[in-house]
PDB file of N, CA and C in Angstrom:
ATOM      1  N   MET A   1       0.610  -1.311  -0.077  1.00  0.00           N
ATOM      2  CA  MET A   1       0.085   0.066  -0.054  1.00  0.00           C
ATOM      3  C   MET A   1       1.157   1.185   0.239  1.00  0.00           C
ATOM      4  N   SER A   2       1.218   2.403  -0.814  1.00  0.00           N
ATOM      5  CA  SER A   2       1.359   3.250  -1.183  1.00  0.00           C
ATOM      6  C   SER A   2       0.949   4.558  -0.438  1.00  0.00           C
ATOM      7  N   SER A   3       1.457   5.584   0.099  1.00  0.00           N
ATOM      8  CA  SER A   3       0.982   6.799   0.756  1.00  0.00           C
ATOM      9  C   SER A   3       0.075   7.358  -0.321  1.00  0.00           C
ATOM     10  N   ASN A   4       0.145   7.241  -1.122  1.00  0.00           N
ATOM     11  CA  ASN A   4      -0.084   8.224  -2.554  1.00  0.00           C
ATOM     12  C   ASN A   4      -1.972   8.011  -2.649  1.00  0.00           C
ATOM     13  N   GLU A   5      -1.901   6.433  -2.519  1.00  0.00           N
ATOM     14  CA  GLU A   5      -3.664   6.124  -1.956  1.00  0.00           C
ATOM     15  C   GLU A   5      -4.514   6.840  -1.286  1.00  0.00           C
ATOM     16  N   PRO A   6      -5.502   6.999  -1.759  1.00  0.00           N
ATOM     17  CA  PRO A   6      -6.193   7.797  -1.403  1.00  0.00           C
ATOM     18  C   PRO A   6      -7.301   6.825  -0.274  1.00  0.00           C
ATOM     19  N   LEU A   7      -7.549   6.827   0.889  1.00  0.00           N
ATOM     20  CA  LEU A   7      -8.123   6.134   1.415  1.00  0.00           C
ATOM     21  C   LEU A   7      -9.435   6.410   2.135  1.00  0.00           C
ATOM     22  N   TYR A   8     -10.743   6.053   1.905  1.00  0.00           N
ATOM     23  CA  TYR A   8     -11.907   6.884   2.506  1.00  0.00           C
ATOM     24  C   TYR A   8     -13.001   6.180   3.700  1.00  0.00           C
ATOM     25  N   ARG A   9     -13.513   6.925   4.794  1.00  0.00           N
ATOM     26  CA  ARG A   9     -14.263   5.957   5.344  1.00  0.00           C
ATOM     27  C   ARG A   9     -15.809   6.235   5.268  1.00  0.00           C
ATOM     28  N   ILE A  10     -16.436   5.817   4.378  1.00  0.00           N
ATOM     29  CA  ILE A  10     -18.071   6.227   4.068  1.00  0.00           C
ATOM     30  C   ILE A  10     -18.933   5.133   5.209  1.00  0.00           C
ATOM     31  N   GLN A  11     -19.990   6.574   5.708  1.00  0.00           N
ATOM     32  CA  GLN A  11     -21.104   5.704   6.179  1.00  0.00           C
ATOM     33  C   GLN A  11     -22.099   5.786   5.633  1.00  0.00           C
ATOM     34  N   PHE A  12     -22.830   4.792   5.864  1.00  0.00           N
ATOM     35  CA  PHE A  12     -24.120   4.570   5.522  1.00  0.00           C
ATOM     36  C   PHE A  12     -25.086   3.687   5.838  1.00  0.00           C
ATOM     37  N   VAL A  13     -26.463   4.103   5.906  1.00  0.00           N
ATOM     38  CA  VAL A  13     -27.833   3.520   6.450  1.00  0.00           C
ATOM     39  C   VAL A  13     -27.898   2.436   5.347  1.00  0.00           C
ATOM     40  N   SER A  14     -28.438   1.151   5.899  1.00  0.00           N
ATOM     41  CA  SER A  14     -28.774  -0.200   5.064  1.00  0.00           C
ATOM     42  C   SER A  14     -29.424  -1.121   6.188  1.00  0.00           C
ATOM     43  N   ASN A  15     -30.303  -1.377   5.952  1.00  0.00           N
ATOM     44  CA  ASN A  15     -31.847  -2.350   6.658  1.00  0.00           C
ATOM     45  C   ASN A  15     -31.866  -1.534   8.463  1.00  0.00           C
ATOM     46  N   GLY A  16     -31.858  -0.657   8.712  1.00  0.00           N
ATOM     47  CA  GLY A  16     -31.619  -0.046  10.056  1.00  0.00           C
ATOM     48  C   GLY A  16     -30.321  -0.373  10.718  1.00  0.00           C
ATOM     49  N   GLU A  17     -29.329   0.006   9.858  1.00  0.00           N
ATOM     50  CA  GLU A  17     -28.076   0.036  10.844  1.00  0.00           C
ATOM     51  C   GLU A  17     -26.823   1.090  10.145  1.00  0.00           C
ATOM     52  N   ARG A  18     -26.568   0.887  10.714  1.00  0.00           N
ATOM     53  CA  ARG A  18     -25.314   2.002   9.963  1.00  0.00           C
ATOM     54  C   ARG A  18     -23.811   1.230  10.013  1.00  0.00           C
ATOM     55  N   TYR A  19     -23.559   1.274   8.936  1.00  0.00           N
ATOM     56  CA  TYR A  19     -22.615   0.929   8.145  1.00  0.00           C
ATOM     57  C   TYR A  19     -21.219   1.822   8.358  1.00  0.00           C
ATOM     58  N   GLU A  20     -20.099   1.287   8.623  1.00  0.00           N
ATOM     59  CA  GLU A  20     -18.610   2.327   8.263  1.00  0.00           C
ATOM     60  C   GLU A  20     -17.655   1.120   7.124  1.00  0.00           C
ATOM     61  N   LEU A  21     -17.705   1.990   6.663  1.00  0.00           N
ATOM     62  CA  LEU A  21     -16.544   1.095   5.533  1.00  0.00           C
ATOM     63  C   LEU A  21     -15.304   1.838   5.437  1.00  0.00           C
ATOM     64  N   TYR A  22     -14.336   1.311   4.938  1.00  0.00           N
ATOM     65  CA  TYR A  22     -13.005   1.926   4.412  1.00  0.00           C
ATOM     66  C   TYR A  22     -13.012   1.206   2.814  1.00  0.00           C
ATOM     67  N   VAL A  23     -12.628   2.567   2.051  1.00  0.00           N
ATOM     68  CA  VAL A  23     -12.340   1.983   0.466  1.00  0.00           C
ATOM     69  C   VAL A  23     -11.835   2.941  -0.183  1.00  0.00           C
ATOM     70  N   ARG A  24     -10.789   1.954  -1.102  1.00  0.00           N
ATOM     71  CA  ARG A  24     -10.115   3.505  -1.987  1.00  0.00           C
ATOM     72  C   ARG A  24     -10.399   3.708  -2.960  1.00  0.00           C
ATOM     73  N   GLU A  25     -11.814   3.468  -3.354  1.00  0.00           N
ATOM     74  CA  GLU A  25     -12.723   4.102  -4.624  1.00  0.00           C
ATOM     75  C   GLU A  25     -13.983   4.564  -4.491  1.00  0.00           C
ATOM     76  N   VAL A  26     -14.363   5.712  -4.630  1.00  0.00           N
ATOM     77  CA  VAL A  26     -15.547   6.651  -4.316  1.00  0.00           C
ATOM     78  C   VAL A  26     -15.914   7.554  -5.116  1.00  0.00           C
ATOM     79  N   SER A  27     -16.991   6.955  -5.822  1.00  0.00           N
ATOM     80  CA  SER A  27     -17.709   7.961  -7.570  1.00  0.00           C
ATOM     81  C   SER A  27     -19.046   8.107  -7.099  1.00  0.00           C
ATOM     82  N   GLN A  28     -19.119   8.728  -7.890  1.00  0.00           N
ATOM     83  CA  GLN A  28     -21.260   9.043  -8.520  1.00  0.00           C
ATOM     84  C   GLN A  28     -20.795   7.635  -8.873  1.00  0.00           C
ATOM     85  N   GLY A  29     -20.464   7.599  -9.913  1.00  0.00           N
ATOM     86  CA  GLY A  29     -20.959   6.088 -10.545  1.00  0.00           C
ATOM     87  C   GLY A  29     -21.688   6.340 -11.708  1.00  0.00           C
ATOM     88  N   SER A  30     -21.957   5.332 -13.104  1.00  0.00           N
ATOM     89  CA  SER A  30     -23.100   5.514 -13.569  1.00  0.00           C
ATOM     90  C   SER A  30     -24.273   5.267 -13.504  1.00  0.00           C
ATOM     91  N   LEU A  31     -24.435   4.649 -12.604  1.00  0.00           N
ATOM     92  CA  LEU A  31     -26.396   4.095 -12.055  1.00  0.00           C
ATOM     93  C   LEU A  31     -26.509   5.753 -11.394  1.00  0.00           C
ATOM     94  N   PHE A  32     -27.607   6.734 -12.067  1.00  0.00           N
ATOM     95  CA  PHE A  32     -28.184   7.858 -11.649  1.00  0.00           C
ATOM     96  C   PHE A  32     -28.456   7.480  -9.530  1.00  0.00           C
ATOM     97  N   GLY A  33     -28.154   8.356  -9.243  1.00  0.00           N
ATOM     98  CA  GLY A  33     -28.678   8.430  -7.830  1.00  0.00           C
ATOM     99  C   GLY A  33     -28.222   7.751  -6.531  1.00  0.00           C
ATOM    100  N   PHE A  34     -26.830   6.987  -7.347  1.00  0.00           N
ATOM    101  CA  PHE A  34     -26.120   5.924  -6.424  1.00  0.00           C
ATOM    102  C   PHE A  34     -24.854   6.247  -6.044  1.00  0.00           C
ATOM    103  N   VAL A  35     -23.987   6.188  -4.881  1.00  0.00           N
ATOM    104  CA  VAL A  35     -22.831   6.650  -4.906  1.00  0.00           C
ATOM    105  C   VAL A  35     -21.733   4.728  -5.015  1.00  0.00           C
ATOM    106  N   GLU A  36     -21.144   4.779  -6.121  1.00  0.00           N
ATOM    107  CA  GLU A  36     -20.134   3.931  -6.091  1.00  0.00           C
ATOM    108  C   GLU A  36     -18.848   3.500  -5.459  1.00  0.00           C
ATOM    109  N   ILE A  37     -19.048   2.121  -4.471  1.00  0.00           N
ATOM    110  CA  ILE A  37     -17.538   2.011  -4.239  1.00  0.00           C
ATOM    111  C   ILE A  37     -17.225   1.016  -4.040  1.00  0.00           C
ATOM    112  N   GLY A  38     -15.685   1.252  -4.084  1.00  0.00           N
ATOM    113  CA  GLY A  38     -14.897  -0.350  -4.800  1.00  0.00           C
ATOM    114  C   GLY A  38     -13.752  -0.568  -3.727  1.00  0.00           C
ATOM    115  N   GLU A  39     -13.048  -1.437  -3.596  1.00  0.00           N
ATOM    116  CA  GLU A  39     -11.544  -1.425  -3.444  1.00  0.00           C
ATOM    117  C   GLU A  39     -11.946  -1.488  -2.012  1.00  0.00           C
ATOM    118  N   PHE A  40     -12.246  -2.624  -1.132  1.00  0.00           N
ATOM    119  CA  PHE A  40     -12.835  -2.840   0.105  1.00  0.00           C
ATOM    120  C   PHE A  40     -11.305  -2.857   0.726  1.00  0.00           C
ATOM    121  N   VAL A  41     -11.340  -2.003   1.941  1.00  0.00           N
ATOM    122  CA  VAL A  41     -10.116  -2.271   2.947  1.00  0.00           C
ATOM    123  C   VAL A  41     -10.090  -2.749   3.874  1.00  0.00           C
ATOM    124  N   TRP A  42     -10.195  -3.433   4.608  1.00  0.00           N
ATOM    125  CA  TRP A  42     -10.198  -4.358   5.582  1.00  0.00           C
ATOM    126  C   TRP A  42      -8.955  -4.878   6.696  1.00  0.00           C
ATOM    127  N   ASP A  43      -9.080  -4.715   8.116  1.00  0.00           N
ATOM    128  CA  ASP A  43      -8.089  -4.911   8.827  1.00  0.00           C
ATOM    129  C   ASP A  43      -7.448  -6.218   8.806  1.00  0.00           C
ATOM    130  N   THR A  44      -6.104  -6.010   9.233  1.00  0.00           N
ATOM    131  CA  THR A  44      -5.472  -7.860   9.421  1.00  0.00           C
ATOM    132  C   THR A  44      -5.597  -7.365  11.017  1.00  0.00           C
ATOM    133  N   HIS A  45      -6.151  -8.571  11.610  1.00  0.00           N
ATOM    134  CA  HIS A  45      -5.957  -8.469  12.865  1.00  0.00           C
ATOM    135  C   HIS A  45      -5.016  -9.555  13.709  1.00  0.00           C
ATOM    136  N   THR A  46      -4.097  -8.554  14.482  1.00  0.00           N
ATOM    137  CA  THR A  46      -2.985  -9.194  14.543  1.00  0.00           C
ATOM    138  C   THR A  46      -3.408  -9.697  16.475  1.00  0.00           C
ATOM    139  N   SER A  47      -4.359  -9.482  16.494  1.00  0.00           N
ATOM    140  CA  SER A  47      -5.077  -9.511  18.304  1.00  0.00           C
ATOM    141  C   SER A  47      -5.497 -10.954  18.353  1.00  0.00           C
ATOM    142  N   LEU A  48      -5.803 -12.063  19.436  1.00  0.00           N
ATOM    143  CA  LEU A  48      -6.794 -12.870  19.279  1.00  0.00           C
ATOM    144  C   LEU A  48      -8.280 -12.080  19.144  1.00  0.00           C
ATOM    145  N   VAL A  49      -8.778 -10.594  19.858  1.00  0.00           N
ATOM    146  CA  VAL A  49      -9.681 -10.542  20.225  1.00  0.00           C
ATOM    147  C   VAL A  49     -10.261 -10.103  18.460  1.00  0.00           C
ATOM    148  N   LEU A  50     -11.378 -10.274  17.985  1.00  0.00           N
ATOM    149  CA  LEU A  50     -12.211  -9.956  16.827  1.00  0.00           C
ATOM    150  C   LEU A  50     -13.194  -9.297  17.076  1.00  0.00           C
ATOM    151  N   ASP A  51     -14.005  -8.413  16.612  1.00  0.00           N
ATOM    152  CA  ASP A  51     -14.890  -7.807  16.644  1.00  0.00           C
ATOM    153  C   ASP A  51     -15.762  -8.089  15.631  1.00  0.00           C
ATOM    154  N   PRO A  52     -17.244  -8.913  16.364  1.00  0.00           N
ATOM    155  CA  PRO A  52     -17.934  -9.370  15.196  1.00  0.00           C
ATOM    156  C   PRO A  52     -18.274  -8.812  13.808  1.00  0.00           C
ATOM    157  N   SER A  53     -18.930  -7.551  14.659  1.00  0.00           N
ATOM    158  CA  SER A  53     -19.201  -6.867  13.443  1.00  0.00           C
ATOM    159  C   SER A  53     -18.397  -6.985  12.180  1.00  0.00           C
ATOM    160  N   HIS A  54     -17.307  -6.248  12.610  1.00  0.00           N
ATOM    161  CA  HIS A  54     -16.170  -6.327  11.474  1.00  0.00           C
ATOM    162  C   HIS A  54     -16.062  -7.953  10.509  1.00  0.00           C
ATOM    163  N   GLU A  55     -15.961  -8.867  11.377  1.00  0.00           N
ATOM    164  CA  GLU A  55     -16.186 -10.173  10.908  1.00  0.00           C
ATOM    165  C   GLU A  55     -17.513 -10.526   9.552  1.00  0.00           C
ATOM    166  N   LYS A  56     -18.698  -9.912  10.379  1.00  0.00           N
ATOM    167  CA  LYS A  56     -20.247 -10.070   9.556  1.00  0.00           C
ATOM    168  C   LYS A  56     -19.792  -9.206   8.325  1.00  0.00           C
ATOM    169  N   LEU A  57     -19.119  -8.057   8.303  1.00  0.00           N
ATOM    170  CA  LEU A  57     -19.002  -7.115   7.129  1.00  0.00           C
ATOM    171  C   LEU A  57     -18.382  -7.388   6.566  1.00  0.00           C
ATOM    172  N   LYS A  58     -17.300  -8.295   6.344  1.00  0.00           N
ATOM    173  CA  LYS A  58     -16.362  -8.419   5.787  1.00  0.00           C
ATOM    174  C   LYS A  58     -16.785 -10.313   5.178  1.00  0.00           C
ATOM    175  N   ASP A  59     -17.477 -10.541   5.818  1.00  0.00           N
ATOM    176  CA  ASP A  59     -18.349 -12.109   5.341  1.00  0.00           C
ATOM    177  C   ASP A  59     -19.622 -11.141   4.027  1.00  0.00           C
ATOM    178  N   GLU A  60     -19.970 -10.386   4.736  1.00  0.00           N
ATOM    179  CA  GLU A  60     -21.752  -9.385   3.681  1.00  0.00           C
ATOM    180  C   GLU A  60     -20.230  -8.801   2.533  1.00  0.00           C
ATOM    181  N   PHE A  61     -19.531  -8.642   2.148  1.00  0.00           N
ATOM    182  CA  PHE A  61     -18.729  -8.354   1.195  1.00  0.00           C
ATOM    183  C   PHE A  61     -17.840  -9.061   0.495  1.00  0.00           C
ATOM    184  N   ALA A  62     -17.686 -10.167   0.980  1.00  0.00           N
ATOM    185  CA  ALA A  62     -16.399 -11.436   0.593  1.00  0.00           C
ATOM    186  C   ALA A  62     -16.157 -11.215  -0.690  1.00  0.00           C
ATOM    187  N   ASP A  63     -17.459 -11.268  -1.760  1.00  0.00           N
ATOM    188  CA  ASP A  63     -16.941 -11.908  -3.108  1.00  0.00           C
ATOM    189  C   ASP A  63     -17.809 -10.357  -3.992  1.00  0.00           C
ATOM    190  N   VAL A  64     -17.611  -8.623  -3.089  1.00  0.00           N
ATOM    191  CA  VAL A  64     -18.022  -8.044  -3.583  1.00  0.00           C
ATOM    192  C   VAL A  64     -16.963  -7.045  -4.604  1.00  0.00           C
ATOM    193  N   GLU A  65     -16.680  -6.712  -5.373  1.00  0.00           N
ATOM    194  CA  GLU A  65     -15.756  -5.832  -5.880  1.00  0.00           C
ATOM    195  C   GLU A  65     -16.451  -4.713  -5.902  1.00  0.00           C
ATOM    196  N   ARG A  66     -17.358  -4.330  -6.196  1.00  0.00           N
ATOM    197  CA  ARG A  66     -18.081  -2.841  -6.179  1.00  0.00           C
ATOM    198  C   ARG A  66     -19.231  -2.468  -5.933  1.00  0.00           C
ATOM    199  N   THR A  67     -20.527  -1.710  -4.940  1.00  0.00           N
ATOM    200  CA  THR A  67     -21.111  -2.022  -4.792  1.00  0.00           C
ATOM    201  C   THR A  67     -21.458  -0.504  -4.837  1.00  0.00           C
ATOM    202  N   TYR A  68     -22.593  -0.551  -5.117  1.00  0.00           N
ATOM    203  CA  TYR A  68     -23.681   0.664  -5.171  1.00  0.00           C
ATOM    204  C   TYR A  68     -24.524   1.034  -4.135  1.00  0.00           C
ATOM    205  N   VAL A  69     -24.616   2.220  -3.584  1.00  0.00           N
ATOM    206  CA  VAL A  69     -25.259   2.948  -2.313  1.00  0.00           C
ATOM    207  C   VAL A  69     -26.096   4.296  -2.415  1.00  0.00           C
ATOM    208  N   PRO A  70     -27.349   3.778  -2.184  1.00  0.00           N
ATOM    209  CA  PRO A  70     -28.327   5.385  -2.835  1.00  0.00           C
ATOM    210  C   PRO A  70     -27.610   6.378  -1.887  1.00  0.00           C
ATOM    211  N   MET A  71     -28.186   7.429  -2.879  1.00  0.00           N
ATOM    212  CA  MET A  71     -27.341   8.629  -2.260  1.00  0.00           C
ATOM    213  C   MET A  71     -27.552   9.293  -1.235  1.00  0.00           C
ATOM    214  N   HIS A  72     -29.080   9.149  -1.101  1.00  0.00           N
ATOM    215  CA  HIS A  72     -30.116   9.760  -0.218  1.00  0.00           C
ATOM    216  C   HIS A  72     -29.686   8.673   1.397  1.00  0.00           C
ATOM    217  N   ASN A  73     -28.643   7.448   1.303  1.00  0.00           N
ATOM    218  CA  ASN A  73     -28.433   6.788   2.175  1.00  0.00           C
ATOM    219  C   ASN A  73     -27.022   7.108   2.859  1.00  0.00           C
ATOM    220  N   VAL A  74     -26.560   7.921   1.935  1.00  0.00           N
ATOM    221  CA  VAL A  74     -24.783   7.752   2.494  1.00  0.00           C
ATOM    222  C   VAL A  74     -25.059   9.225   3.576  1.00  0.00           C
ATOM    223  N   LEU A  75     -24.530   9.189   4.838  1.00  0.00           N
ATOM    224  CA  LEU A  75     -24.426   9.515   6.072  1.00  0.00           C
ATOM    225  C   LEU A  75     -23.174  10.680   5.618  1.00  0.00           C
ATOM    226  N   ARG A  76     -21.698   9.756   5.487  1.00  0.00           N
ATOM    227  CA  ARG A  76     -20.745  10.610   4.992  1.00  0.00           C
ATOM    228  C   ARG A  76     -19.650  10.039   4.671  1.00  0.00           C
ATOM    229  N   ILE A  77     -18.782  10.935   3.585  1.00  0.00           N
ATOM    230  CA  ILE A  77     -17.542   9.978   2.825  1.00  0.00           C
ATOM    231  C   ILE A  77     -16.768  11.504   3.484  1.00  0.00           C
ATOM    232  N   ASP A  78     -15.552  10.393   4.269  1.00  0.00           N
ATOM    233  CA  ASP A  78     -14.310  11.073   4.909  1.00  0.00           C
ATOM    234  C   ASP A  78     -13.034  10.878   3.894  1.00  0.00           C
ATOM    235  N   ALA A  79     -12.029  11.818   3.499  1.00  0.00           N
ATOM    236  CA  ALA A  79     -10.908  10.827   3.307  1.00  0.00           C
ATOM    237  C   ALA A  79     -10.159  11.281   4.620  1.00  0.00           C
ATOM    238  N   VAL A  80      -9.306  10.312   4.601  1.00  0.00           N
ATOM    239  CA  VAL A  80      -8.585   9.739   5.818  1.00  0.00           C
ATOM    240  C   VAL A  80      -7.673   9.625   5.724  1.00  0.00           C
ATOM    241  N   LYS A  81      -6.703   9.756   6.580  1.00  0.00           N
ATOM    242  CA  LYS A  81      -4.794   9.342   6.655  1.00  0.00           C
ATOM    243  C   LYS A  81      -4.745   8.187   7.124  1.00  0.00           C
ATOM    244  N   LYS A  82      -5.568   7.655   8.011  1.00  0.00           N
ATOM    245  CA  LYS A  82      -5.241   5.876   8.546  1.00  0.00           C
ATOM    246  C   LYS A  82      -6.572   5.424   9.132  1.00  0.00           C
ATOM    247  N   GLN A  83      -6.109   4.057   8.474  1.00  0.00           N
ATOM    248  CA  GLN A  83      -7.190   3.261   8.595  1.00  0.00           C
ATOM    249  C   GLN A  83      -7.736   3.004  10.194  1.00  0.00           C
ATOM    250  N   GLY A  84      -9.282   2.775  10.112  1.00  0.00           N
ATOM    251  CA  GLY A  84      -9.576   2.107  11.289  1.00  0.00           C
ATOM    252  C   GLY A  84     -10.379   1.266  11.088  1.00  0.00           C
ATOM    253  N   SER A  85     -11.204   0.660  11.941  1.00  0.00           N
ATOM    254  CA  SER A  85     -12.200  -0.808  11.938  1.00  0.00           C
ATOM    255  C   SER A  85     -13.335  -0.155  11.305  1.00  0.00           C
ATOM    256  N   ALA A  86     -13.802  -1.120  10.404  1.00  0.00           N
ATOM    257  CA  ALA A  86     -15.039  -1.403   9.903  1.00  0.00           C
ATOM    258  C   ALA A  86     -16.011  -1.909  10.944  1.00  0.00           C
ATOM    259  N   LYS A  87     -16.959  -1.340  10.354  1.00  0.00           N
ATOM    260  CA  LYS A  87     -18.029  -1.391  11.673  1.00  0.00           C
ATOM    261  C   LYS A  87     -19.599  -1.336  11.431  1.00  0.00           C
ATOM    262  N   ILE A  88     -20.581  -2.093  11.862  1.00  0.00           N
ATOM    263  CA  ILE A  88     -21.928  -1.850  11.701  1.00  0.00           C
ATOM    264  C   ILE A  88     -22.331  -1.939  13.470  1.00  0.00           C
ATOM    265  N   THR A  89     -23.229  -0.595  13.293  1.00  0.00           N
ATOM    266  CA  THR A  89     -24.011  -0.210  14.820  1.00  0.00           C
ATOM    267  C   THR A  89     -25.765   0.003  14.113  1.00  0.00           C
ATOM    268  N   LYS A  90     -26.439  -0.737  14.815  1.00  0.00           N
ATOM    269  CA  LYS A  90     -27.489  -0.786  15.129  1.00  0.00           C
ATOM    270  C   LYS A  90     -28.425   0.583  15.563  1.00  0.00           C
ATOM    271  N   LEU A  91     -28.949   1.195  14.781  1.00  0.00           N
ATOM    272  CA  LEU A  91     -29.701   2.687  15.009  1.00  0.00           C
ATOM    273  C   LEU A  91     -30.596   1.903  16.086  1.00  0.00           C
ATOM    274  N   SER A  92     -31.076   3.369  16.396  1.00  0.00           N
ATOM    275  CA  SER A  92     -32.326   3.642  17.393  1.00  0.00           C
ATOM    276  C   SER A  92     -33.784   3.532  16.813  1.00  0.00           C
ATOM    277  N   ASP A  93     -34.324   2.739  17.009  1.00  0.00           N
ATOM    278  CA  ASP A  93     -35.793   2.480  16.826  1.00  0.00           C
ATOM    279  C   ASP A  93     -36.171   3.561  16.564  1.00  0.00           C
ATOM    280  N   LYS A  94     -36.118   5.115  16.844  1.00  0.00           N
ATOM    281  CA  LYS A  94     -36.231   6.322  16.562  1.00  0.00           C
ATOM    282  C   LYS A  94     -36.040   6.931  15.111  1.00  0.00           C
ATOM    283  N   VAL A  95     -34.832   6.032  14.502  1.00  0.00           N
ATOM    284  CA  VAL A  95     -34.186   6.902  13.794  1.00  0.00           C
ATOM    285  C   VAL A  95     -34.623   5.913  12.377  1.00  0.00           C
ATOM    286  N   THR A  96     -35.752   6.958  11.328  1.00  0.00           N
ATOM    287  CA  THR A  96     -35.220   5.728  10.679  1.00  0.00           C
ATOM    288  C   THR A  96     -35.360   6.814   9.001  1.00  0.00           C
ATOM    289  N   ALA A  97     -34.309   5.940   7.882  1.00  0.00           N
ATOM    290  CA  ALA A  97     -34.056   6.279   6.838  1.00  0.00           C
ATOM    291  C   ALA A  97     -35.028   6.883   5.588  1.00  0.00           C
ATOM    292  N   LEU A  98     -35.511   7.660   5.458  1.00  0.00           N
ATOM    293  CA  LEU A  98     -36.721   7.883   4.296  1.00  0.00           C
ATOM    294  C   LEU A  98     -36.218   8.381   3.321  1.00  0.00           C
ATOM    295  N   PRO A  99     -36.654   7.775   1.756  1.00  0.00           N
ATOM    296  CA  PRO A  99     -36.142   8.326   0.264  1.00  0.00           C
ATOM    297  C   PRO A  99     -36.642   9.357   0.541  1.00  0.00           C
ATOM    298  N   SER A 100     -35.912  10.261  -0.053  1.00  0.00           N
ATOM    299  CA  SER A 100     -35.997  11.518  -0.835  1.00  0.00           C
ATOM    300  C   SER A 100     -36.138  12.078  -2.138  1.00  0.00           C
ATOM    301  N   PRO A 101     -36.709  12.745  -2.701  1.00  0.00           N
ATOM    302  CA  PRO A 101     -36.849  12.687  -4.255  1.00  0.00           C
ATOM    303  C   PRO A 101     -35.186  13.704  -4.587  1.00  0.00           C
ATOM    304  N   ILE A 102     -34.688  12.719  -5.788  1.00  0.00           N
ATOM    305  CA  ILE A 102     -33.450  14.159  -6.375  1.00  0.00           C
ATOM    306  C   ILE A 102     -34.095  15.256  -6.786  1.00  0.00           C
ATOM    307  N   TYR A 103     -35.078  15.022  -7.562  1.00  0.00           N
ATOM    308  CA  TYR A 103     -35.773  16.353  -8.680  1.00  0.00           C
ATOM    309  C   TYR A 103     -36.742  16.462  -8.245  1.00  0.00           C
ATOM    310  N   THR A 104     -37.346  17.546  -7.987  1.00  0.00           N
ATOM    311  CA  THR A 104     -38.855  18.282  -7.785  1.00  0.00           C
ATOM    312  C   THR A 104     -38.729  19.326  -8.246  1.00  0.00           C
ATOM    313  N   PRO A 105     -39.850  19.176  -8.978  1.00  0.00           N
ATOM    314  CA  PRO A 105     -40.366  20.290 -10.336  1.00  0.00           C
ATOM    315  C   PRO A 105     -40.703  21.400  -9.298  1.00  0.00           C
ATOM    316  N   LYS A 106     -40.792  22.140 -10.357  1.00  0.00           N
ATOM    317  CA  LYS A 106     -41.114  23.401  -9.275  1.00  0.00           C
ATOM    318  C   LYS A 106     -43.153  23.361  -9.870  1.00  0.00           C
ATOM    319  N   LYS A 107     -43.390  24.074  -8.580  1.00  0.00           N
ATOM    320  CA  LYS A 107     -45.037  24.177  -8.814  1.00  0.00           C
ATOM    321  C   LYS A 107     -44.925  25.960  -9.141  1.00  0.00           C
ATOM    322  N   ASP A 108     -45.840  25.914  -9.894  1.00  0.00           N
ATOM    323  CA  ASP A 108     -46.538  27.158 -10.815  1.00  0.00           C
ATOM    324  C   ASP A 108     -47.562  27.371 -10.309  1.00  0.00           C
TER     325      ASP A 108
END
């Protein structure tokens, strides 16, 4: 891994959970309304303690080269210098992700 390669932390909501992943590629993508992410970066655990949510993410995205996340589900994208741990966090019952239209025509 070169220090010149960009590293991104992306946070998005899916199925009532907040996903936090580290990737090398983020773009608008060719599908309108979707953010394309690829080249996933996973921790190489050197200790005996494993995070179950990290392992769940690795299993979920094991054979995925790139994924497309609806734009309205993305919470945040950060360019970071140092990789953290990927994780899934359960959202509160009071938090609901509602899709919103991307284009709303003006009413005359």
